[in-house]
Protein backbone atom coordinates (compact mmCIF):
# COMPACT_ATOMS: atom_id res chain seq x y z
CA MET A 1 0.07 0.06 0.16
CA GLU A 2 1.50 3.27 -1.25
CA ILE A 3 0.89 6.45 1.21
CA GLY A 4 -0.57 9.25 -1.18
CA LEU A 5 -1.91 12.79 -0.77
CA VAL A 6 -5.39 11.52 0.56
CA HIS A 7 -3.69 9.86 3.68
CA TYR A 8 -1.84 13.15 4.35
CA LEU A 9 -4.71 15.09 4.16
CA THR A 10 -6.78 12.88 6.21
CA VAL A 11 -4.27 13.01 9.27
CA ALA A 12 -4.08 17.13 8.97
CA ALA A 13 -7.59 16.98 8.83
CA VAL A 14 -7.86 14.81 12.32
CA LEU A 15 -5.12 17.25 13.84
CA PHE A 16 -7.09 20.16 12.59
CA GLY A 17 -10.36 18.98 14.09
CA LEU A 18 -8.62 17.83 17.34
CA GLY A 19 -7.42 21.29 17.54
CA LEU A 20 -10.55 22.83 17.09
CA LEU A 21 -12.20 20.76 19.46
CA THR A 22 -9.65 21.81 21.96
CA VAL A 23 -9.80 25.20 21.64
CA MET A 24 -13.66 25.06 21.87
CA THR A 25 -13.77 22.93 24.98
CA ARG A 26 -10.69 23.86 27.25
CA LYS A 27 -10.89 26.47 29.92
CA ASN A 28 -7.36 26.63 30.55
CA SER A 29 -5.00 28.87 28.71
CA VAL A 30 -2.67 26.41 28.22
CA GLY A 31 -4.83 23.88 26.56
CA ILE A 32 -6.49 26.35 24.46
CA LEU A 33 -2.59 27.11 23.24
CA LEU A 34 -2.18 23.57 22.79
CA GLY A 35 -4.99 23.59 20.49
CA VAL A 36 -3.66 26.43 18.40
CA GLU A 37 -0.52 24.54 18.00
CA LEU A 38 -2.40 21.46 16.78
CA ILE A 39 -4.12 23.69 14.21
CA LEU A 40 -0.84 25.34 13.09
CA ASN A 41 0.67 21.79 12.47
CA ALA A 42 -2.17 20.70 10.59
CA ALA A 43 -1.53 23.46 8.20
CA ALA A 44 2.02 22.81 7.90
CA LEU A 45 1.34 19.16 7.00
CA ASN A 46 -0.89 20.22 4.33
CA PHE A 47 1.64 22.66 2.98
CA VAL A 48 4.44 19.95 2.93
CA ALA A 49 2.19 17.16 1.38
CA PHE A 50 0.97 19.43 -1.30
CA GLU A 51 4.59 20.26 -2.13
CA HIS A 52 5.33 16.69 -2.51
CA PHE A 53 2.61 15.49 -4.46
CA VAL A 54 1.65 18.35 -6.60
CA SER A 55 4.33 19.49 -9.10
CA GLY A 56 4.80 23.41 -10.25
CA GLY A 57 3.28 24.56 -6.86
CA VAL A 58 5.10 26.94 -4.56
CA SER A 59 7.55 25.24 -2.38
CA GLY A 60 5.46 24.12 0.65
CA GLN A 61 8.72 23.68 2.88
CA VAL A 62 9.11 27.28 2.81
CA PHE A 63 5.47 28.00 4.19
CA THR A 64 5.81 25.42 6.49
CA VAL A 65 9.13 27.09 8.06
CA PHE A 66 7.00 30.21 8.19
CA ILE A 67 4.56 28.47 10.61
CA ILE A 68 6.71 26.67 12.26
CA VAL A 69 8.56 30.20 13.37
CA LEU A 70 5.00 31.71 13.73
CA ALA A 71 4.21 28.99 15.90
CA ALA A 72 7.24 29.73 18.24
CA SER A 73 6.68 32.96 18.36
CA GLU A 74 2.74 32.57 19.19
CA ALA A 75 3.83 30.47 21.89
CA ALA A 76 6.62 32.59 23.59
CA ILE A 77 4.27 35.55 23.38
CA ALA A 78 0.99 33.59 24.61
CA LEU A 79 2.96 31.94 27.39
CA ALA A 80 4.41 35.19 28.68
CA ILE A 81 0.87 36.68 28.43
CA VAL A 82 -0.39 33.48 30.63
CA LEU A 83 2.31 34.06 33.25
CA THR A 84 1.37 37.50 33.36
CA VAL A 85 -2.34 36.82 33.88
CA TYR A 86 -1.39 34.25 36.84
CA ARG A 87 0.47 36.55 38.32
CA ASN A 88 -2.13 39.36 38.58
CA TYR A 89 -5.54 36.97 39.05
CA ARG A 90 -3.68 33.75 40.63
CA SER A 91 -5.56 31.85 37.79
CA ILE A 92 -5.11 30.48 34.29
CA MET A 93 -8.86 29.44 33.71
CA THR A 94 -10.09 31.64 30.88
CA ASP A 95 -13.73 31.65 32.50
CA ARG A 96 -12.32 33.32 35.95
CA LEU A 97 -10.81 36.24 33.61
CA SER A 98 -13.79 38.68 33.60
CA ASN A 99 -12.09 41.98 34.25
CA LEU A 100 -8.86 42.57 32.30
CA LYS A 101 -8.70 46.55 32.64
CA ASN A 102 -7.03 46.57 35.64
């Protein structure tokens, strides 16, 4: 059995679905960040799969490196925000953060 484009797209769709489910159901800020990372990894997998199986397209690996850099910077900034929120509110649960002005 040869692994084709459909297999990669199926795995990417499962990753995207799990990431979306995680973002929608988690109340913990770190859990939401993990869901966003799953969504970005699904997009990166799609880019690499299309670059490998479709000829004449723009290099998917360039976009994937951009996504990895974007995910790393997103994780660093988001974790800094989570640490600041925890320092001020002593909780990282998103349902308890109702007043962010102070």
